[in-house]
Protein backbone atom coordinates (compact mmCIF):
# COMPACT_ATOMS: atom_id res chain seq x y z
CA UNK A 1 44.71 -13.03 87.15
CA UNK A 2 41.33 -11.54 86.42
CA UNK A 3 39.47 -13.35 83.69
CA UNK A 4 36.94 -11.41 81.69
CA UNK A 5 33.37 -12.72 81.71
CA UNK A 6 30.44 -11.49 79.64
CA UNK A 7 27.82 -13.28 81.76
CA UNK A 8 25.39 -10.60 82.87
CA UNK A 9 23.63 -10.78 86.23
CA UNK A 10 20.00 -11.87 86.16
CA UNK A 11 17.24 -9.30 86.02
CA UNK A 12 16.50 -10.01 89.67
CA UNK A 13 19.86 -8.62 90.74
CA UNK A 14 20.50 -6.07 88.02
CA UNK A 15 18.80 -3.27 89.97
CA UNK A 16 21.03 -3.92 92.99
CA UNK A 17 24.16 -3.91 90.85
CA UNK A 18 23.01 -0.68 89.19
CA UNK A 19 22.63 1.02 92.58
CA UNK A 20 26.07 -0.19 93.71
CA UNK A 21 27.80 1.01 90.54
CA UNK A 22 25.95 4.33 90.71
CA UNK A 23 27.15 4.91 94.27
CA UNK A 24 30.72 4.09 93.30
CA UNK A 25 30.60 6.45 90.34
CA UNK A 26 29.48 9.35 92.57
CA UNK A 27 32.60 9.18 94.77
CA UNK A 28 34.64 11.79 92.94
CA UNK A 29 31.90 14.35 92.38
CA UNK A 30 30.64 14.19 95.95
CA UNK A 31 34.16 14.55 97.33
CA UNK A 32 34.83 17.62 95.23
CA UNK A 33 31.53 19.49 95.36
CA UNK A 34 30.18 18.74 98.83
CA UNK A 35 32.97 20.53 100.68
CA UNK A 36 33.28 23.56 98.36
CA UNK A 37 30.78 25.67 100.37
CA UNK A 38 32.97 25.11 103.42
CA UNK A 39 36.22 26.49 101.97
CA UNK A 40 35.92 29.91 103.66
CA UNK A 41 35.13 28.26 107.00
CA UNK A 42 38.06 25.87 106.56
CA UNK A 43 40.44 28.74 105.89
CA UNK A 44 39.13 30.63 108.90
CA UNK A 45 39.27 27.77 111.39
CA UNK A 46 42.64 26.43 110.27
CA UNK A 47 44.20 29.91 110.14
CA UNK A 48 45.03 29.69 106.44
CA UNK A 49 44.54 32.03 103.53
CA UNK A 50 42.09 31.39 100.69
CA UNK A 51 44.83 30.12 98.37
CA UNK A 52 45.91 27.48 100.88
CA UNK A 53 42.32 26.31 101.32
CA UNK A 54 41.93 26.04 97.55
CA UNK A 55 45.05 23.88 97.37
CA UNK A 56 43.12 21.18 99.22
CA UNK A 57 41.13 20.89 95.99
CA UNK A 58 44.26 20.89 93.81
CA UNK A 59 45.87 18.02 95.73
CA UNK A 60 42.61 16.08 95.42
CA UNK A 61 42.89 16.31 91.65
CA UNK A 62 46.49 15.09 91.88
CA UNK A 63 45.32 12.07 93.85
CA UNK A 64 42.59 11.37 91.31
CA UNK A 65 45.16 11.50 88.53
CA UNK A 66 47.33 8.97 90.36
CA UNK A 67 44.34 6.72 90.98
CA UNK A 68 43.37 6.74 87.30
CA UNK A 69 46.78 5.30 86.46
CA UNK A 70 46.80 2.95 89.45
CA UNK A 71 43.49 1.14 89.57
CA UNK A 72 43.02 0.13 85.95
CA UNK A 73 46.08 -2.11 85.56
CA UNK A 74 45.91 -3.41 89.15
CA UNK A 75 42.24 -4.36 88.93
CA UNK A 76 42.97 -6.14 85.64
CA UNK A 77 45.71 -8.09 87.38
CA UNK A 78 44.19 -8.76 90.81
CA UNK A 79 40.47 -8.56 90.12
CA UNK A 80 37.77 -5.96 90.72
CA UNK A 81 36.58 -6.68 94.25
CA UNK A 82 39.88 -6.37 96.14
CA UNK A 83 40.79 -2.92 94.79
CA UNK A 84 37.22 -1.73 95.43
CA UNK A 85 37.33 -2.92 99.05
CA UNK A 86 40.70 -1.28 99.69
CA UNK A 87 39.70 1.92 97.89
CA UNK A 88 36.42 2.30 99.80
CA UNK A 89 38.13 1.57 103.12
CA UNK A 90 40.92 4.05 102.38
CA UNK A 91 38.34 6.65 101.40
CA UNK A 92 36.27 6.22 104.59
CA UNK A 93 39.34 6.41 106.84
CA UNK A 94 40.83 9.45 105.14
CA UNK A 95 37.49 11.27 105.32
CA UNK A 96 37.70 10.91 109.10
CA UNK A 97 41.27 12.19 108.89
CA UNK A 98 40.01 15.24 107.00
CA UNK A 99 37.31 15.84 109.61
CA UNK A 100 39.90 15.76 112.41
CA UNK A 101 42.63 17.72 110.59
CA UNK A 102 44.30 20.24 112.93
CA UNK A 103 45.94 22.28 110.16
CA UNK A 104 45.59 23.04 106.48
CA UNK A 105 48.60 20.92 105.52
CA UNK A 106 47.29 17.88 107.34
CA UNK A 107 44.02 18.42 105.48
CA UNK A 108 45.92 18.56 102.19
CA UNK A 109 47.61 15.26 102.93
CA UNK A 110 44.38 13.52 103.83
CA UNK A 111 42.62 15.01 100.80
CA UNK A 112 45.30 13.52 98.56
CA UNK A 113 44.90 10.07 100.11
CA UNK A 114 41.12 10.48 100.00
CA UNK A 115 41.30 11.02 96.25
CA UNK A 116 43.37 7.87 95.77
CA UNK A 117 40.64 5.92 97.55
CA UNK A 118 37.78 7.67 95.75
CA UNK A 119 39.20 6.92 92.33
CA UNK A 120 38.64 3.19 92.83
CA UNK A 121 34.89 3.59 92.49
CA UNK A 122 34.79 5.68 89.33
CA UNK A 123 37.46 3.65 87.51
CA UNK A 124 36.43 0.12 88.45
CA UNK A 125 32.67 0.69 88.11
CA UNK A 126 33.13 1.20 84.38
CA UNK A 127 35.32 -1.89 84.17
CA UNK A 128 32.65 -3.98 85.91
CA UNK A 129 30.09 -2.91 83.31
CA UNK A 130 32.45 -3.99 80.55
CA UNK A 131 33.03 -7.33 82.28
CA UNK A 132 29.43 -8.29 82.98
CA UNK A 133 27.27 -6.89 80.20
CA UNK A 134 26.98 -7.34 76.48
CA UNK A 135 27.38 -4.25 74.24
CA UNK A 136 23.67 -3.39 74.23
CA UNK A 137 23.21 -3.61 78.00
CA UNK A 138 26.58 -1.92 78.54
CA UNK A 139 25.32 1.16 76.69
CA UNK A 140 22.33 1.36 79.06
CA UNK A 141 24.52 0.97 82.13
CA UNK A 142 27.04 3.57 80.93
CA UNK A 143 24.15 5.98 80.32
CA UNK A 144 23.02 5.51 83.92
CA UNK A 145 26.55 6.03 85.24
CA UNK A 146 26.87 9.23 83.20
CA UNK A 147 23.56 10.37 84.69
CA UNK A 148 24.96 9.80 88.17
CA UNK A 149 28.12 11.70 87.30
CA UNK A 150 25.98 14.62 86.15
CA UNK A 151 23.53 14.51 89.06
CA UNK A 152 26.12 14.37 91.85
CA UNK A 153 27.70 17.79 91.12
CA UNK A 154 24.24 19.37 91.15
CA UNK A 155 23.07 17.93 94.46
CA UNK A 156 26.41 17.78 96.32
CA UNK A 157 26.81 21.57 96.91
CA UNK A 158 23.24 21.76 98.22
CA UNK A 159 23.82 18.89 100.64
CA UNK A 160 27.21 20.29 101.63
CA UNK A 161 25.82 23.77 102.19
CA UNK A 162 23.03 22.55 104.44
CA UNK A 163 25.43 20.35 106.39
CA UNK A 164 27.80 23.29 106.78
CA UNK A 165 25.08 25.55 108.16
CA UNK A 166 23.75 22.93 110.55
CA UNK A 167 26.90 21.21 111.78
CA UNK A 168 30.04 22.87 110.38
CA UNK A 169 32.55 21.92 107.73
CA UNK A 170 33.98 18.93 109.59
CA UNK A 171 30.57 17.24 109.49
CA UNK A 172 30.77 17.25 105.68
CA UNK A 173 33.72 14.87 105.82
CA UNK A 174 31.98 12.75 108.44
CA UNK A 175 29.04 12.43 106.05
CA UNK A 176 31.40 11.51 103.22
CA UNK A 177 32.97 8.87 105.45
CA UNK A 178 29.53 7.44 106.06
CA UNK A 179 28.96 7.32 102.32
CA UNK A 180 32.28 5.53 101.91
CA UNK A 181 31.33 2.95 104.53
CA UNK A 182 27.98 2.42 102.78
CA UNK A 183 29.83 1.79 99.52
CA UNK A 184 32.22 -0.57 101.30
CA UNK A 185 29.29 -2.53 102.73
CA UNK A 186 27.66 -2.63 99.29
CA UNK A 187 30.82 -4.02 97.70
CA UNK A 188 31.37 -6.57 100.47
CA UNK A 189 27.81 -7.81 100.86
CA UNK A 190 26.04 -6.72 97.69
CA UNK A 191 28.49 -8.33 95.31
CA UNK A 192 28.52 -11.39 97.59
CA UNK A 193 24.75 -11.68 97.17
CA UNK A 194 25.16 -11.34 93.42
CA UNK A 195 27.94 -13.92 93.33
CA UNK A 196 30.16 -11.48 91.42
CA UNK A 197 33.68 -10.12 91.60
CA UNK A 198 35.10 -12.82 93.87
CA UNK A 199 38.27 -13.71 91.99
CA UNK A 200 40.44 -10.98 93.50
CA UNK A 201 43.24 -10.56 95.99
CA UNK A 202 42.74 -7.71 98.44
CA UNK A 203 45.90 -8.27 100.48
CA UNK A 204 48.40 -7.59 97.65
CA UNK A 205 46.33 -4.54 96.77
CA UNK A 206 46.82 -3.16 100.28
CA UNK A 207 50.57 -3.27 99.80
CA UNK A 208 50.40 -1.64 96.38
CA UNK A 209 48.14 1.18 97.59
CA UNK A 210 50.28 1.70 100.69
CA UNK A 211 53.44 1.96 98.60
CA UNK A 212 51.84 4.43 96.18
CA UNK A 213 50.39 6.61 98.95
CA UNK A 214 53.75 6.59 100.75
CA UNK A 215 55.51 7.68 97.58
CA UNK A 216 52.92 10.40 97.08
CA UNK A 217 53.39 11.71 100.62
CA UNK A 218 57.14 11.82 100.07
CA UNK A 219 56.53 13.81 96.90
CA UNK A 220 54.25 16.23 98.76
CA UNK A 221 56.88 16.56 101.46
CA UNK A 222 59.43 17.54 98.87
CA UNK A 223 56.97 20.17 97.61
CA UNK A 224 56.61 21.53 101.14
CA UNK A 225 53.03 20.28 101.47
CA UNK A 226 53.63 17.37 103.84
CA UNK A 227 51.31 16.97 106.84
CA UNK A 228 54.47 16.35 108.86
CA UNK A 229 55.17 20.06 108.55
CA UNK A 230 51.68 21.03 109.64
CA UNK A 231 52.78 23.31 112.42
CA UNK A 232 54.39 25.62 109.91
CA UNK A 233 51.04 26.26 108.29
CA UNK A 234 49.35 27.57 111.42
């Protein structure tokens, strides 16, 4: 079980930890706002109407809601690092799935799973601050994380729009996958350098996430939104 510690990292490593937590906090905003300029192109290429394209955003919010419930208790039980590793890996893989989606319903399914992965960063980053910093330093760190949450929605549409013009909407998800891999590397190697977040179990977390995502896909299938019925959306 995860044991709370209030030992803050030294000043030498605090900047690195701040960057890592800032990246993790930006997951949700980047995933929502970067692809918004591409919605008309998505609808056109996947032969869907505007409402169907907008549902890819709605299912993302559903996945974020599930992740909010999921990651808090599990990271308290299994530790912070394992859920972060699994969440970042799930996010990077599902971004590639979004980029390769052949239909709007497949895109919906991958967007849902993408949100479940993305939620790990925003939820657990705040928990790490609580674990490692005293109340005074925690206030500073939370202020920085709030700054990142406010900055990402401003810059993400600009980045997404330029990517869309230059490379198309699928490249947006490729870029998001690259960001996810960068976050995964930061969690794996950055926290290793800091000597933090080691008391965790990633393998049980894989099973828990897989079970939750499977249940979510079954729910989407019952709603008629399953990727398994993708051909019907063409």
